[in-house]
Protein backbone atom coordinates (compact mmCIF):
# COMPACT_ATOMS: atom_id res chain seq x y z
CA UNK A 1 16.39 -7.10 49.38
CA UNK A 2 15.55 -10.14 51.47
CA UNK A 3 12.46 -11.69 53.02
CA UNK A 4 13.24 -9.57 56.10
CA UNK A 5 13.48 -6.21 54.32
CA UNK A 6 10.94 -3.83 55.85
CA UNK A 7 8.23 -2.16 53.77
CA UNK A 8 5.49 0.34 54.45
CA UNK A 9 2.53 -1.90 53.68
CA UNK A 10 -0.03 0.94 53.74
CA UNK A 11 -3.53 -0.41 53.06
CA UNK A 12 -2.44 -4.01 53.46
CA UNK A 13 -2.83 -2.98 57.11
CA UNK A 14 -6.60 -3.12 56.56
CA UNK A 15 -6.77 -6.91 56.50
CA UNK A 16 -4.94 -7.09 59.83
CA UNK A 17 -7.31 -4.59 61.47
CA UNK A 18 -10.25 -6.51 60.02
CA UNK A 19 -8.99 -9.75 61.57
CA UNK A 20 -8.63 -7.96 64.92
CA UNK A 21 -12.25 -6.81 64.70
CA UNK A 22 -13.46 -10.28 63.76
CA UNK A 23 -11.72 -11.74 66.81
CA UNK A 24 -13.88 -9.43 68.91
CA UNK A 25 -16.96 -10.55 66.96
CA UNK A 26 -16.04 -14.17 67.74
CA UNK A 27 -15.82 -13.30 71.43
CA UNK A 28 -19.28 -11.69 71.39
CA UNK A 29 -17.85 -8.29 72.27
CA UNK A 30 -18.81 -6.79 68.92
CA UNK A 31 -21.67 -7.43 66.48
CA UNK A 32 -21.45 -6.90 62.75
CA UNK A 33 -24.73 -5.04 62.51
CA UNK A 34 -24.40 -2.80 65.53
CA UNK A 35 -24.06 0.92 64.76
CA UNK A 36 -20.53 2.29 64.83
CA UNK A 37 -21.90 5.13 66.96
CA UNK A 38 -22.83 2.66 69.69
CA UNK A 39 -19.10 2.18 70.24
CA UNK A 40 -17.83 5.62 69.23
CA UNK A 41 -20.61 8.21 69.60
CA UNK A 42 -18.71 10.79 67.53
CA UNK A 43 -19.36 8.71 64.42
CA UNK A 44 -23.06 9.46 64.77
CA UNK A 45 -22.32 13.15 64.32
CA UNK A 46 -20.93 12.72 60.80
CA UNK A 47 -23.00 14.16 57.97
CA UNK A 48 -23.00 13.53 54.22
CA UNK A 49 -21.16 15.98 51.97
CA UNK A 50 -23.45 16.67 49.00
CA UNK A 51 -21.69 19.64 47.38
CA UNK A 52 -20.72 23.25 47.93
CA UNK A 53 -22.35 26.66 48.00
CA UNK A 54 -19.39 28.71 46.86
CA UNK A 55 -16.72 27.62 49.30
CA UNK A 56 -19.22 26.51 51.92
CA UNK A 57 -19.77 22.75 52.17
CA UNK A 58 -23.35 21.53 51.82
CA UNK A 59 -24.05 18.76 54.34
CA UNK A 60 -27.09 16.71 55.34
CA UNK A 61 -27.77 13.94 57.86
CA UNK A 62 -27.23 10.39 56.58
CA UNK A 63 -30.29 8.35 55.67
CA UNK A 64 -29.19 5.63 58.11
CA UNK A 65 -26.44 4.88 60.59
CA UNK A 66 -23.36 2.94 59.51
CA UNK A 67 -22.60 -0.41 61.13
CA UNK A 68 -19.44 -2.39 61.84
CA UNK A 69 -20.21 -4.45 58.71
CA UNK A 70 -20.24 -1.25 56.66
CA UNK A 71 -16.76 -0.37 57.93
CA UNK A 72 -15.45 -3.83 57.05
CA UNK A 73 -16.87 -3.62 53.51
CA UNK A 74 -16.21 0.04 52.64
CA UNK A 75 -19.91 0.78 52.37
CA UNK A 76 -20.24 3.22 55.29
CA UNK A 77 -20.10 6.27 53.02
CA UNK A 78 -16.61 7.35 54.10
CA UNK A 79 -14.06 8.33 51.47
CA UNK A 80 -10.42 9.22 50.80
CA UNK A 81 -9.36 12.57 49.38
CA UNK A 82 -6.91 10.75 47.07
CA UNK A 83 -9.89 9.37 45.15
CA UNK A 84 -12.56 11.97 45.95
CA UNK A 85 -12.00 15.56 44.83
CA UNK A 86 -14.95 16.91 46.83
CA UNK A 87 -13.49 15.49 50.03
CA UNK A 88 -10.15 17.10 49.24
CA UNK A 89 -11.91 20.40 48.63
CA UNK A 90 -13.78 20.04 51.92
CA UNK A 91 -10.52 19.52 53.78
CA UNK A 92 -9.02 22.61 52.16
CA UNK A 93 -11.89 25.02 52.86
CA UNK A 94 -12.51 23.75 56.40
CA UNK A 95 -8.86 23.20 57.35
CA UNK A 96 -9.65 19.58 58.23
CA UNK A 97 -6.67 17.21 58.02
CA UNK A 98 -6.72 14.01 56.00
CA UNK A 99 -6.29 10.66 57.69
CA UNK A 100 -2.63 10.32 56.66
CA UNK A 101 -1.85 13.29 58.92
CA UNK A 102 -2.22 11.03 61.93
CA UNK A 103 -4.24 13.77 63.64
CA UNK A 104 -7.42 12.83 65.48
CA UNK A 105 -9.13 15.80 63.83
CA UNK A 106 -9.13 13.73 60.62
CA UNK A 107 -12.03 11.76 62.08
CA UNK A 108 -14.19 14.85 61.56
CA UNK A 109 -14.18 14.27 57.79
CA UNK A 110 -17.75 13.77 56.52
CA UNK A 111 -19.36 10.91 54.69
CA UNK A 112 -19.57 11.22 50.91
CA UNK A 113 -22.52 8.81 50.51
CA UNK A 114 -25.26 7.27 52.62
CA UNK A 115 -24.30 4.09 54.49
CA UNK A 116 -25.09 0.98 52.47
CA UNK A 117 -25.77 2.88 49.25
CA UNK A 118 -22.51 2.23 47.40
CA UNK A 119 -19.03 0.76 47.69
CA UNK A 120 -16.67 3.65 48.29
CA UNK A 121 -13.06 3.15 49.32
CA UNK A 122 -12.40 5.26 52.38
CA UNK A 123 -11.12 5.65 55.92
CA UNK A 124 -13.43 2.91 57.19
CA UNK A 125 -10.64 0.77 58.61
CA UNK A 126 -9.13 3.66 60.56
CA UNK A 127 -12.50 4.00 62.29
CA UNK A 128 -12.52 0.21 62.71
CA UNK A 129 -9.14 0.46 64.43
CA UNK A 130 -10.65 2.87 66.92
CA UNK A 131 -13.48 0.40 67.50
CA UNK A 132 -10.94 -2.35 68.22
CA UNK A 133 -9.18 -0.09 70.71
CA UNK A 134 -12.41 0.85 72.46
CA UNK A 135 -13.81 -2.68 72.67
CA UNK A 136 -10.47 -4.42 73.15
CA UNK A 137 -9.39 -2.04 75.90
CA UNK A 138 -5.87 -1.38 74.60
CA UNK A 139 -4.08 0.45 71.82
CA UNK A 140 -4.39 -1.05 68.37
CA UNK A 141 -0.69 -1.89 68.22
CA UNK A 142 -0.71 -3.66 71.58
CA UNK A 143 -3.87 -5.57 70.65
CA UNK A 144 -2.38 -6.71 67.35
CA UNK A 145 0.91 -7.69 68.97
CA UNK A 146 -0.78 -9.86 71.60
CA UNK A 147 -3.47 -11.41 69.44
CA UNK A 148 -2.02 -11.59 65.92
CA UNK A 149 1.68 -10.79 65.58
CA UNK A 150 3.09 -12.80 68.48
CA UNK A 151 0.99 -15.92 67.77
CA UNK A 152 2.04 -15.84 64.10
CA UNK A 153 5.69 -14.99 64.77
CA UNK A 154 5.43 -11.61 63.00
CA UNK A 155 8.36 -10.02 64.82
CA UNK A 156 8.99 -7.26 62.26
CA UNK A 157 5.44 -5.93 61.93
CA UNK A 158 4.16 -2.89 63.80
CA UNK A 159 3.22 0.77 63.75
CA UNK A 160 6.78 1.98 64.34
CA UNK A 161 10.31 0.77 63.69
CA UNK A 162 13.24 0.21 66.01
CA UNK A 163 16.59 1.76 65.07
CA UNK A 164 17.70 -1.64 63.77
CA UNK A 165 14.54 -2.01 61.69
CA UNK A 166 14.99 1.46 60.19
CA UNK A 167 18.23 0.21 58.64
CA UNK A 168 16.18 -2.43 56.78
CA UNK A 169 13.44 -0.02 55.66
CA UNK A 170 13.12 0.34 51.88
CA UNK A 171 13.42 3.76 50.23
CA UNK A 172 10.29 4.88 48.37
CA UNK A 173 10.76 5.65 44.67
CA UNK A 174 8.51 7.84 42.50
CA UNK A 175 7.82 7.36 38.81
CA UNK A 176 9.15 10.29 36.78
CA UNK A 177 7.77 11.83 33.58
CA UNK A 178 10.45 10.05 31.51
CA UNK A 179 9.45 6.70 32.99
CA UNK A 180 12.43 6.39 35.32
CA UNK A 181 12.24 5.90 39.07
CA UNK A 182 13.79 8.37 41.49
CA UNK A 183 14.22 7.92 45.26
CA UNK A 184 12.19 10.28 47.42
CA UNK A 185 12.37 11.11 51.10
CA UNK A 186 9.02 9.73 52.24
CA UNK A 187 7.77 9.30 55.77
CA UNK A 188 4.38 9.50 57.40
CA UNK A 189 3.89 12.77 59.32
CA UNK A 190 5.60 12.89 62.70
CA UNK A 191 3.66 13.19 65.93
CA UNK A 192 0.84 10.84 64.99
CA UNK A 193 -1.96 10.95 67.55
CA UNK A 194 -3.27 7.45 66.85
CA UNK A 195 -2.23 4.22 65.17
CA UNK A 196 -3.73 4.11 61.68
CA UNK A 197 -5.67 0.88 61.28
CA UNK A 198 -6.10 1.69 57.61
CA UNK A 199 -2.51 2.15 56.52
CA UNK A 200 -0.02 2.47 59.36
CA UNK A 201 1.86 -0.83 59.55
CA UNK A 202 5.32 -1.74 58.38
CA UNK A 203 6.08 -5.39 57.73
CA UNK A 204 8.22 -7.86 55.82
CA UNK A 205 7.38 -10.39 53.15
CA UNK A 206 8.12 -13.15 55.65
CA UNK A 207 5.78 -11.72 58.27
CA UNK A 208 2.93 -10.83 55.96
CA UNK A 209 2.99 -14.20 54.25
CA UNK A 210 2.49 -15.81 57.66
CA UNK A 211 -0.61 -13.65 58.05
CA UNK A 212 -1.99 -14.46 54.59
CA UNK A 213 -1.25 -18.16 55.03
CA UNK A 214 -3.24 -18.03 58.26
CA UNK A 215 -6.23 -16.79 56.25
CA UNK A 216 -5.66 -19.47 53.60
CA UNK A 217 -5.45 -22.13 56.32
CA UNK A 218 -8.82 -21.15 57.80
CA UNK A 219 -7.46 -19.19 60.74
CA UNK A 220 -4.41 -21.17 61.78
CA UNK A 221 -0.70 -21.08 60.97
CA UNK A 222 2.34 -22.79 62.48
CA UNK A 223 0.28 -24.23 65.31
CA UNK A 224 -1.37 -20.95 66.30
CA UNK A 225 -5.10 -20.33 65.85
CA UNK A 226 -5.99 -16.68 65.26
CA UNK A 227 -9.57 -17.10 64.00
CA UNK A 228 -12.09 -19.92 63.88
CA UNK A 229 -12.51 -21.60 60.50
CA UNK A 230 -16.14 -20.50 60.27
CA UNK A 231 -15.10 -16.88 60.88
CA UNK A 232 -12.63 -16.96 57.99
CA UNK A 233 -15.31 -18.55 55.80
CA UNK A 234 -17.67 -15.73 56.75
CA UNK A 235 -15.03 -13.12 55.90
CA UNK A 236 -14.62 -14.65 52.43
CA UNK A 237 -18.31 -14.30 51.58
CA UNK A 238 -19.90 -11.39 49.71
CA UNK A 239 -21.24 -8.87 52.23
CA UNK A 240 -22.27 -6.04 49.88
CA UNK A 241 -25.26 -7.67 48.19
CA UNK A 242 -25.82 -6.33 44.68
CA UNK A 243 -23.26 -3.54 45.08
CA UNK A 244 -19.98 -3.81 43.18
CA UNK A 245 -16.38 -2.86 43.87
CA UNK A 246 -15.69 -0.18 41.26
CA UNK A 247 -12.78 1.74 39.78
CA UNK A 248 -11.06 4.21 42.09
CA UNK A 249 -10.77 7.41 40.03
CA UNK A 250 -7.74 9.40 41.11
CA UNK A 251 -8.08 12.93 42.46
CA UNK A 252 -4.36 13.11 43.26
CA UNK A 253 -2.17 11.75 40.41
CA UNK A 254 1.01 12.13 42.47
CA UNK A 255 -0.31 9.54 44.91
CA UNK A 256 -2.44 7.27 42.72
CA UNK A 257 -3.39 6.55 39.16
CA UNK A 258 -6.92 5.43 38.38
CA UNK A 259 -7.03 1.99 39.96
CA UNK A 260 -9.10 -1.07 39.17
CA UNK A 261 -8.27 -4.71 39.72
CA UNK A 262 -9.35 -7.09 36.94
CA UNK A 263 -11.19 -4.58 34.70
CA UNK A 264 -14.44 -5.94 33.36
CA UNK A 265 -14.88 -8.45 36.19
CA UNK A 266 -17.68 -8.02 38.72
CA UNK A 267 -16.00 -7.80 42.10
CA UNK A 268 -17.51 -8.12 45.56
CA UNK A 269 -16.27 -7.31 49.05
CA UNK A 270 -16.03 -9.57 52.05
CA UNK A 271 -15.21 -8.63 55.63
CA UNK A 272 -11.83 -7.09 54.96
CA UNK A 273 -10.91 -7.73 51.34
CA UNK A 274 -12.08 -7.79 47.72
CA UNK A 275 -13.43 -11.04 46.23
CA UNK A 276 -13.24 -11.90 42.54
CA UNK A 277 -16.34 -13.57 41.12
CA UNK A 278 -14.76 -15.03 37.98
CA UNK A 279 -11.76 -17.14 37.05
CA UNK A 280 -8.97 -14.96 35.67
CA UNK A 281 -7.22 -16.95 32.91
CA UNK A 282 -3.97 -18.48 34.11
CA UNK A 283 -4.35 -16.80 37.48
CA UNK A 284 -6.52 -16.85 40.60
CA UNK A 285 -9.74 -18.84 40.91
CA UNK A 286 -13.27 -17.68 41.71
CA UNK A 287 -13.58 -16.73 45.37
CA UNK A 288 -10.00 -15.55 45.80
CA UNK A 289 -9.49 -12.59 48.14
CA UNK A 290 -7.07 -9.70 47.79
CA UNK A 291 -6.10 -6.12 48.39
CA UNK A 292 -3.08 -3.84 48.10
CA UNK A 293 -1.03 -1.03 49.58
CA UNK A 294 -0.45 2.50 48.29
CA UNK A 295 3.21 1.81 47.44
CA UNK A 296 2.26 -0.94 44.98
CA UNK A 297 2.39 -3.92 47.29
CA UNK A 298 -0.21 -6.64 46.79
CA UNK A 299 -1.47 -9.86 48.36
CA UNK A 300 -4.05 -12.49 47.56
CA UNK A 301 -5.12 -15.89 48.77
CA UNK A 302 -6.88 -18.48 46.66
CA UNK A 303 -8.79 -21.09 48.72
CA UNK A 304 -9.56 -23.19 45.64
CA UNK A 305 -6.01 -23.61 44.40
CA UNK A 306 -4.52 -23.35 47.90
CA UNK A 307 -2.22 -20.44 47.11
CA UNK A 308 -1.28 -17.48 49.31
CA UNK A 309 1.06 -14.86 47.90
CA UNK A 310 2.32 -11.32 48.32
CA UNK A 311 4.60 -9.05 46.33
CA UNK A 312 6.13 -5.97 47.91
CA UNK A 313 7.22 -2.77 46.15
CA UNK A 314 7.76 0.83 47.32
CA UNK A 315 6.75 2.90 44.31
CA UNK A 316 4.47 5.90 43.89
CA UNK A 317 1.94 6.58 42.52
CA UNK A 318 -0.34 3.62 43.27
CA UNK A 319 -1.41 1.45 40.32
CA UNK A 320 1.81 2.33 38.51
CA UNK A 321 1.48 0.61 35.10
CA UNK A 322 4.91 -1.02 35.24
CA UNK A 323 4.34 -2.16 38.82
CA UNK A 324 1.03 -3.66 37.74
CA UNK A 325 2.82 -5.50 34.94
CA UNK A 326 5.25 -6.94 37.49
CA UNK A 327 2.35 -7.95 39.75
CA UNK A 328 0.57 -9.71 36.88
CA UNK A 329 3.73 -11.47 35.72
CA UNK A 330 4.42 -12.59 39.29
CA UNK A 331 0.94 -14.05 39.68
CA UNK A 332 1.11 -15.87 36.35
CA UNK A 333 4.48 -17.32 37.33
CA UNK A 334 3.07 -18.52 40.66
CA UNK A 335 0.21 -20.38 38.98
CA UNK A 336 2.44 -21.74 36.22
CA UNK A 337 4.64 -23.32 38.87
CA UNK A 338 1.90 -25.38 40.54
């Protein structure tokens, strides 16, 4: 592998989509507290899944309408079937596809909580990608290319690969019962009807580090300004009040283990990423921001110690214990070297 090897970065896409949305906020084309339904009326039709009567879903109207801020902080009430068994059951009994299908019908999935009531990891950033397309007036991929990738020199990042890039694409491996890793033939479903702002990008370590260094450097990298410094500062602040980022309990062990970053630490969420509220011994400082991708890739940036880093793997399921050990060892080595 090299710095130009191509990886499926999955949910590390979310930070990029969040930056795209915040560019539109800077331009006054989008407001953090405007209802999502004011941009995409179909969002206002979503109801809250509260249970089942036999095989019939029980739904009710939400107590309030979700905002753009809710999408950015995973507090809109949306979920993922990987970590929510009721949502998976809903999809099965109603024949509704999940978001990884790439089908637009996936946007019919209901809320699993009232907006603003809890932190719940979900398809928020896919909806946010649709908002960027609607407000930005172009497809998500074109918007990102013009406003993020080209300015930062991210030539190998996008929602699809060229034939040459496919030759550099890493094979996904799955953890076996005996602890070994075996290659699997993994690809996102063909015929996607939209570009997934929550998980759809491929990238390289070189490209993604340029993006994370831009965030560390308050919106600028290699002479290009992508965001204002005050916007990046706003993104790094807690935007979920007294709510906490909690453990993601797996409902699909083939795709994810139970996942929690820094167990025992109170974690908050900014506009696009998780924020740690305590110093982790020998590692990142208070106020560092991070997230990850399904295939056990991770990034963080630490404004206090001036560190931006990413480690890329292509292993399933998410939060693989050995992958997490590698991630931790990598971070400790980074801080030991400075």
